[in-house]
Protein backbone atom coordinates (compact mmCIF):
# COMPACT_ATOMS: atom_id res chain seq x y z
CA MET A 1 56.74 34.60 -40.84
CA ASP A 2 53.62 36.43 -39.84
CA TYR A 3 50.58 34.21 -39.70
CA GLN A 4 48.29 36.79 -41.27
CA ALA A 5 50.67 37.19 -44.21
CA PHE A 6 50.71 33.42 -44.60
CA ARG A 7 46.92 33.35 -44.69
CA GLU A 8 46.94 35.97 -47.43
CA ALA A 9 49.60 34.18 -49.48
CA PRO A 10 49.75 30.48 -48.52
CA LEU A 11 52.93 28.63 -49.40
CA PRO A 12 52.34 25.47 -51.40
CA GLU A 13 55.56 23.89 -50.17
CA SER A 14 57.92 24.46 -47.24
CA CYS A 15 60.02 22.47 -44.82
CA CYS A 16 59.61 24.79 -41.85
CA LEU A 17 57.12 27.41 -40.68
CA ASN A 18 57.77 29.56 -37.64
CA PHE A 19 54.84 31.71 -36.41
CA THR A 20 56.20 32.24 -32.88
CA SER A 21 54.73 35.26 -31.07
CA SER A 22 52.16 35.89 -33.80
CA ASN A 23 48.71 36.96 -32.63
CA ILE A 24 46.69 34.07 -33.95
CA THR A 25 44.05 33.42 -31.25
CA HIS A 26 42.00 31.11 -33.47
CA LEU A 27 44.12 28.61 -35.37
CA ASP A 28 42.82 27.23 -38.69
CA TRP A 29 44.62 23.91 -38.80
CA GLY A 30 43.33 23.10 -42.27
CA ALA A 31 45.43 25.91 -43.84
CA LEU A 32 48.61 24.21 -42.63
CA VAL A 33 47.68 20.68 -43.69
CA GLY A 34 48.01 21.63 -47.41
CA VAL A 35 51.70 22.68 -47.17
CA GLN A 36 53.75 20.02 -48.86
CA GLY A 37 56.96 18.80 -47.17
CA LEU A 38 56.26 20.56 -43.87
CA ARG A 39 58.37 18.90 -41.17
CA GLU A 40 58.67 21.56 -38.48
CA LEU A 41 55.94 23.94 -37.23
CA TYR A 42 56.38 26.55 -34.49
CA LEU A 43 53.27 28.10 -32.94
CA SER A 44 54.45 29.03 -29.44
CA HIS A 45 53.41 32.27 -27.67
CA CYS A 46 50.62 32.91 -30.17
CA SER A 47 47.73 33.27 -27.65
CA ILE A 48 45.87 30.44 -29.33
CA THR A 49 42.60 29.61 -27.56
CA ALA A 50 41.01 27.19 -30.05
CA ILE A 51 41.85 25.00 -33.05
CA SER A 52 39.47 24.35 -35.91
CA ASN A 53 39.50 22.07 -38.96
CA ALA A 54 41.66 19.58 -37.06
CA GLN A 55 41.10 16.67 -39.43
CA GLY A 56 44.33 15.45 -40.96
CA VAL A 57 47.92 16.50 -40.45
CA PRO A 58 50.84 17.45 -42.74
CA PRO A 59 52.19 14.05 -43.81
CA ALA A 60 55.85 14.82 -43.09
CA LEU A 61 55.35 16.69 -39.82
CA GLU A 62 57.97 15.70 -37.24
CA ILE A 63 58.20 18.60 -34.77
CA LEU A 64 55.28 20.65 -33.42
CA HIS A 65 55.48 23.48 -30.91
CA LEU A 66 52.20 24.64 -29.27
CA SER A 67 53.52 25.66 -25.88
CA HIS A 68 52.67 28.85 -23.97
CA ASN A 69 49.19 29.33 -25.37
CA LEU A 70 45.70 29.46 -23.87
CA LEU A 71 44.37 26.13 -25.00
CA GLU A 72 41.88 24.53 -22.61
CA SER A 73 41.03 21.56 -24.80
CA LEU A 74 41.96 19.91 -28.10
CA PRO A 75 39.67 18.67 -30.88
CA GLY A 76 38.82 14.98 -30.65
CA SER A 77 40.69 14.01 -33.82
CA PHE A 78 43.67 16.33 -33.32
CA LEU A 79 46.98 14.54 -34.09
CA GLU A 80 45.20 11.22 -34.20
CA ASN A 81 46.97 10.28 -37.42
CA ALA A 82 50.52 11.71 -37.28
CA PRO A 83 52.82 8.75 -38.02
CA ASN A 84 56.01 10.79 -38.42
CA LEU A 85 55.66 12.99 -35.35
CA ARG A 86 58.66 12.74 -33.01
CA VAL A 87 58.54 15.83 -30.78
CA LEU A 88 55.48 17.58 -29.33
CA TYR A 89 55.35 20.62 -27.05
CA LEU A 90 52.05 21.33 -25.33
CA ASP A 91 53.33 22.62 -22.03
CA SER A 92 52.24 25.86 -20.34
CA ASN A 93 48.63 25.79 -21.54
CA GLN A 94 45.37 25.32 -19.66
CA LEU A 95 44.58 21.83 -20.91
CA GLN A 96 42.24 19.87 -18.62
CA GLU A 97 42.10 16.70 -20.68
CA LEU A 98 43.48 15.10 -23.84
CA PRO A 99 41.54 13.23 -26.55
CA ARG A 100 41.27 9.49 -26.02
CA SER A 101 42.83 8.81 -29.43
CA PHE A 102 45.61 11.36 -28.95
CA LEU A 103 48.78 10.34 -30.85
CA LYS A 104 47.20 7.01 -31.70
CA ALA A 105 49.25 6.52 -34.91
CA SER A 106 52.46 8.23 -33.71
CA SER A 107 54.59 5.15 -33.30
CA GLN A 108 57.85 7.14 -33.59
CA VAL A 109 57.15 9.78 -30.97
CA GLN A 110 60.08 10.35 -28.62
CA GLU A 111 59.39 13.49 -26.66
CA VAL A 112 56.06 14.83 -25.29
CA TYR A 113 55.88 17.84 -23.00
CA LEU A 114 52.64 18.26 -21.05
CA GLY A 115 53.81 20.13 -17.98
CA PHE A 116 52.11 23.20 -16.48
CA ASN A 117 48.58 22.35 -17.49
CA ALA A 118 45.49 21.23 -15.57
CA LEU A 119 45.45 17.61 -16.69
CA THR A 120 43.83 15.09 -14.37
CA PHE A 121 44.15 11.93 -16.42
CA LEU A 122 46.44 10.58 -19.14
CA PRO A 123 45.14 8.53 -22.12
CA ALA A 124 46.82 5.19 -22.63
CA SER A 125 47.29 5.89 -26.38
CA LEU A 126 49.94 8.48 -25.50
CA LEU A 127 52.39 6.02 -23.99
CA LYS A 128 54.44 4.48 -26.78
CA PRO A 129 57.47 2.22 -26.53
CA SER A 130 59.47 4.75 -28.55
CA LEU A 131 58.79 7.48 -25.98
CA LEU A 132 62.00 8.75 -24.37
CA GLN A 133 60.85 11.93 -22.61
CA LEU A 134 57.45 12.58 -21.02
CA GLN A 135 56.96 15.69 -18.99
CA LEU A 136 53.97 15.51 -16.60
CA SER A 137 54.86 17.91 -13.81
CA ASN A 138 52.65 20.70 -12.48
CA ASN A 139 49.24 19.31 -13.36
CA SER A 140 46.11 18.61 -11.34
CA TRP A 141 46.47 14.86 -11.32
CA ASP A 142 43.73 12.72 -9.84
CA CYS A 143 45.70 9.93 -8.23
CA SER A 144 43.65 6.83 -8.84
CA CYS A 145 44.24 3.19 -9.53
CA ALA A 146 43.50 3.82 -13.24
CA LEU A 147 46.24 6.47 -13.51
CA LEU A 148 48.66 4.25 -11.65
CA THR A 149 47.86 1.36 -14.01
CA THR A 150 48.36 3.61 -17.07
CA LEU A 151 51.79 4.74 -15.88
CA GLU A 152 52.82 1.29 -14.76
CA GLY A 153 56.31 0.57 -16.16
CA TRP A 154 57.13 4.27 -16.50
CA SER A 155 58.81 4.82 -13.18
CA SER A 156 60.69 7.95 -14.23
CA GLN A 157 57.49 9.65 -15.42
CA THR A 158 55.60 8.54 -12.33
CA ALA A 159 58.05 10.44 -10.17
CA GLU A 160 56.83 13.72 -11.70
CA VAL A 161 53.15 13.08 -10.92
CA ILE A 162 52.08 14.92 -7.78
CA CYS A 163 48.57 14.20 -6.57
CA HIS A 164 46.04 16.99 -6.49
CA THR A 165 43.06 14.82 -5.62
CA PRO A 166 41.82 13.06 -3.55
CA GLU A 167 42.27 15.43 -0.66
CA HIS A 168 44.07 13.00 1.64
CA TYR A 169 46.68 12.47 -1.10
CA HIS A 170 47.06 16.14 -1.98
CA GLY A 171 50.75 17.02 -2.54
CA VAL A 172 51.83 13.37 -2.32
CA GLY A 173 53.82 11.83 -5.16
CA LEU A 174 52.06 9.02 -6.99
CA GLN A 175 55.17 6.88 -6.78
CA SER A 176 55.15 6.99 -2.96
CA ILE A 177 51.59 5.61 -2.62
CA PRO A 178 51.42 1.80 -2.26
CA ARG A 179 49.49 0.20 -5.06
CA ASP A 180 47.38 -1.90 -2.69
CA GLU A 181 46.32 1.14 -0.74
CA LEU A 182 45.50 3.20 -3.84
CA CYS A 183 43.61 0.51 -5.74
CA ARG A 184 41.59 -0.70 -2.74
CA SER A 185 40.68 2.63 -1.27
CA HIS A 186 37.82 3.28 -3.63
CA GLY A 187 36.45 -0.20 -3.18
CA LEU A 188 36.55 0.09 0.60
CA THR A 189 35.05 3.57 0.44
CA ALA A 190 32.21 2.32 -1.72
CA LEU A 191 31.75 -0.60 0.67
CA PHE A 192 31.64 1.67 3.72
CA ILE A 193 29.19 3.99 1.97
CA CYS A 194 26.83 1.29 0.69
CA VAL A 195 26.78 -1.17 3.60
CA PRO A 196 25.23 1.09 6.31
CA PRO A 197 22.22 2.13 4.18
CA LEU A 198 21.68 -1.50 3.21
CA LEU A 199 21.77 -2.55 6.86
CA ILE A 200 19.32 0.21 7.81
CA LEU A 201 17.01 -0.73 4.95
CA THR A 202 17.15 -4.39 5.98
CA CYS A 203 16.28 -3.51 9.60
CA ILE A 204 13.37 -1.31 8.51
CA THR A 205 12.04 -4.07 6.22
CA TRP A 206 12.35 -6.66 8.99
CA CYS A 207 10.53 -4.43 11.50
CA PHE A 208 7.79 -3.67 9.00
CA CYS A 209 7.24 -7.35 8.18
CA ARG A 210 7.19 -8.25 11.87
CA GLN A 211 4.69 -5.53 12.68
CA LYS A 212 2.52 -6.58 9.74
CA LYS A 213 2.63 -10.19 10.91
CA LYS A 214 1.56 -9.15 14.43
CA THR A 215 -1.25 -7.04 13.04
CA ASN A 216 -2.53 -9.89 10.87
CA TYR A 217 -2.35 -12.29 13.83
CA SER A 218 -4.26 -9.83 16.06
CA LEU A 219 -6.95 -9.28 13.43
CA GLN A 220 -7.26 -13.03 12.89
CA SER A 221 -7.59 -13.63 16.65
CA ARG A 222 -10.23 -10.95 16.97
CA SER A 223 -12.13 -12.35 14.02
CA GLN A 224 -12.06 -15.85 15.50
CA SER A 225 -13.20 -14.57 18.92
CA HIS A 226 -16.01 -12.61 17.34
CA GLN A 227 -17.10 -15.64 15.36
CA ALA A 228 -17.04 -17.77 18.50
CA MET A 229 -19.10 -15.20 20.42
CA ALA A 230 -21.53 -14.93 17.54
CA GLY A 231 -21.84 -18.73 17.44
CA ARG A 232 -22.53 -18.89 21.17
CA SER A 233 -24.98 -16.04 21.20
CA SER A 234 -26.81 -16.97 18.03
CA VAL A 235 -30.42 -18.10 18.52
CA PRO A 236 -31.71 -20.69 16.12
CA VAL A 237 -34.50 -19.24 14.05
CA SER A 238 -36.96 -21.27 12.07
CA ALA A 239 -36.17 -21.37 8.43
CA GLU A 240 -39.78 -20.81 7.59
CA PRO A 241 -40.84 -17.17 7.70
CA HIS A 242 -43.52 -16.11 10.17
CA HIS A 243 -46.96 -15.56 8.82
CA TYR A 244 -48.91 -12.82 10.53
CA VAL A 245 -52.44 -13.96 11.20
CA PRO A 246 -54.91 -11.18 11.76
CA TYR A 247 -56.51 -11.22 15.17
CA GLU A 248 -60.22 -11.94 15.13
CA LEU A 249 -62.44 -10.64 17.88
CA PRO A 250 -64.46 -13.26 19.66
CA ALA A 251 -68.00 -13.80 18.48
CA ALA A 252 -70.84 -11.91 20.08
CA PRO A 253 -72.45 -13.66 23.03
CA SER A 254 -75.44 -15.83 22.26
CA LYS A 255 -78.99 -15.02 23.20
CA THR A 256 -78.87 -17.40 26.10
CA GLU A 257 -75.66 -15.83 27.47
CA LYS A 258 -77.15 -12.39 27.16
CA LYS A 259 -80.06 -13.51 29.22
CA VAL A 260 -77.75 -14.83 31.92
CA LEU A 261 -75.50 -11.75 31.87
CA LEU A 262 -78.42 -9.40 31.92
CA GLY A 263 -79.95 -11.22 34.78
CA LYS A 264 -79.93 -9.32 38.05
CA GLN A 265 -79.47 -12.41 40.16
CA VAL A 266 -77.90 -15.73 39.30
CA VAL A 267 -77.99 -18.43 41.94
CA LEU A 268 -76.19 -21.72 41.50
CA GLN A 269 -76.43 -24.79 43.61
CA PRO A 270 -73.83 -25.22 46.28
CA PHE A 271 -70.92 -27.39 45.22
CA VAL A 272 -71.26 -31.06 45.92
CA ASP A 273 -68.57 -33.52 44.95
CA PRO A 274 -69.90 -35.54 42.01
CA LEU A 275 -68.04 -38.62 43.17
CA GLU A 276 -69.75 -38.53 46.52
CA SER A 277 -73.19 -37.63 45.31
CA GLY A 278 -73.11 -39.62 42.10
CA ARG A 279 -74.49 -36.71 40.13
CA ASP A 280 -73.16 -35.12 36.94
CA LEU A 281 -71.17 -31.93 37.11
CA TYR A 282 -73.28 -30.39 34.42
CA GLU A 283 -76.50 -31.03 36.20
CA GLU A 284 -79.59 -29.51 34.69
CA VAL A 285 -80.44 -26.58 36.92
CA GLU A 286 -82.96 -24.04 35.86
CA ILE A 287 -82.38 -20.39 36.73
CA GLN A 288 -85.17 -17.92 36.66
CA VAL A 289 -84.26 -14.62 35.15
CA GLY A 290 -86.31 -11.77 36.41
CA SER A 291 -86.80 -9.68 39.46
CA PRO A 292 -85.25 -10.85 42.71
CA SER A 293 -88.64 -11.05 44.37
CA SER A 294 -90.11 -13.34 41.71
CA SER A 295 -87.06 -15.61 41.18
CA HIS A 296 -86.92 -19.00 42.77
CA VAL A 297 -84.36 -21.68 42.22
CA PRO A 298 -84.86 -25.09 43.80
CA SER A 299 -82.10 -26.17 46.08
CA PHE A 300 -80.36 -29.46 46.20
CA HIS A 301 -82.00 -30.35 49.54
CA GLU A 302 -85.40 -29.75 48.15
CA GLU A 303 -84.73 -32.14 45.29
CA GLN A 304 -83.42 -34.76 47.65
CA LEU A 305 -86.57 -34.49 49.76
CA ASP A 306 -88.68 -34.69 46.61
CA THR A 307 -90.31 -31.47 47.52
CA PRO A 308 -92.50 -30.31 44.68
CA ALA A 309 -91.58 -27.07 43.04
CA PRO A 310 -93.86 -24.09 43.69
CA ARG A 311 -96.61 -23.69 41.20
CA ALA A 312 -97.46 -20.64 39.22
CA GLU A 313 -100.66 -20.12 41.24
CA GLU A 314 -98.62 -19.91 44.42
CA LEU A 315 -96.35 -17.30 42.95
CA GLY A 316 -99.20 -15.04 42.17
CA SER A 317 -100.07 -13.48 38.89
CA GLU A 318 -96.49 -12.71 37.86
CA PRO A 319 -95.53 -13.64 34.29
CA GLU A 320 -93.68 -16.88 33.68
CA ALA A 321 -89.90 -16.28 34.07
CA ASP A 322 -87.38 -17.33 31.42
CA THR A 323 -85.31 -20.31 32.47
CA VAL A 324 -81.68 -20.94 31.46
CA SER A 325 -79.81 -24.21 31.90
CA VAL A 326 -76.54 -23.75 33.84
CA SER A 327 -75.02 -26.70 32.05
CA GLU A 328 -75.63 -24.98 28.72
CA VAL A 329 -73.96 -21.83 30.01
CA LEU A 330 -70.94 -23.74 31.29
CA LYS A 331 -70.60 -25.76 28.09
CA ASP A 332 -70.88 -22.62 25.98
CA SER A 333 -68.25 -20.91 28.15
CA ALA A 334 -65.94 -23.86 27.69
CA ASP A 335 -66.32 -23.63 23.94
CA ARG A 336 -65.58 -19.90 24.03
CA GLU A 337 -62.50 -20.50 26.17
CA LYS A 338 -61.20 -23.03 23.65
CA ILE A 339 -61.67 -20.52 20.85
CA TYR A 340 -59.91 -17.81 22.88
CA MET A 341 -56.94 -20.04 23.76
CA SER A 342 -56.63 -21.16 20.13
CA GLN A 343 -56.57 -17.56 18.88
CA SER A 344 -54.16 -16.53 21.66
CA THR A 345 -51.79 -19.33 20.75
CA ARG A 346 -51.82 -18.34 17.08
CA TYR A 347 -51.29 -14.70 18.05
CA TYR A 348 -48.30 -15.33 20.33
CA ASN A 349 -46.73 -17.62 17.74
CA LEU A 350 -46.02 -14.45 15.74
CA VAL A 351 -43.25 -13.56 18.22
CA PRO A 352 -40.14 -15.80 17.87
CA GLY A 353 -38.83 -17.43 21.03
CA ILE A 354 -42.05 -17.28 23.05
CA GLU A 355 -43.33 -20.68 24.08
CA LEU A 356 -46.73 -20.93 25.62
CA GLU A 357 -47.21 -23.42 28.38
CA ASP A 358 -50.19 -25.51 27.53
CA SER A 359 -52.71 -25.98 30.26
CA ASP A 360 -55.52 -28.35 30.49
CA ASN A 361 -58.29 -26.37 28.91
CA LEU A 362 -60.79 -29.11 29.39
CA GLU A 363 -60.84 -28.90 33.16
CA TYR A 364 -62.98 -26.35 34.86
CA GLU A 365 -63.14 -25.27 38.41
CA THR A 366 -66.38 -25.11 40.26
CA ILE A 367 -67.42 -21.51 40.82
CA ASP A 368 -69.64 -20.60 43.67
CA LEU A 369 -71.58 -17.56 42.60
CA GLN A 370 -73.69 -17.34 45.76
């Protein structure tokens, strides 16, 4: 029967339908499910590339021919529920895989032909105890431990499986490969692939941690050395802040000092040791301030000889000269020196770390101004 004629006038009931060599291309599986009593269906050499509306199956279907077509895949639910199916031909297609639930309910299946396809794996639901003939030759089988486990107990079918992958098993029969070698190869390969990167990563981590530890130790050592150097070189500084005291100029000389400084001639007595002479250092000595020709200062020898001092009549008609006590000058100078040293000490105290050596400011040296 021509498939197009069947589509135009569907048969409600038939035991057998043969559409061999019809040009179907796209098979509408739903149009065949409604035929009552259909047990045999022939769809070989029909150039079928795809199947649609694959839900369900004719309840009485026992034999199905779909060989020599262009099928690359099958719908997920195709032939999932075909309890009466006994013979299935799917050879000489381009199938790369089968649905996981393929022939799940076909407990009476006896013959399945899957040769001359591009299958790489076989679902476990296909292998039934009732199966008598299973054709698996001329496929692109991926010989793995999973495939070997699936076909375990089917020694006759295993003999037809020729490995396509992996490459080192290409062209080798699955039955000739020891199970231990096939099932452990992937584990060893994964081990050999994973272990070297892990070792390299471990070495890099160890080197990084070691370098970081050295760097931390070096920084800690430098910090400790710097702290030690800073402790040794640190100068203790007073906690109290320095107060800057403005410098005050010494007071202007007194009237008496001016008279002495402005004098053109100052004559002091020669130095005599007070201990030997029994006289005071600050002996009252009068100094005449005036012209050199009119000035006269009594000497120590004259006083010892009790020689009277020259009178004004003997000196002529010159005006009476101003007299200044040397002891007053020396005492005033000592007071000024004390003030100067006190101000100098306060001034130098502004600079930290400078210690002034105190000297005996109360002692004075005898100065011979002659």
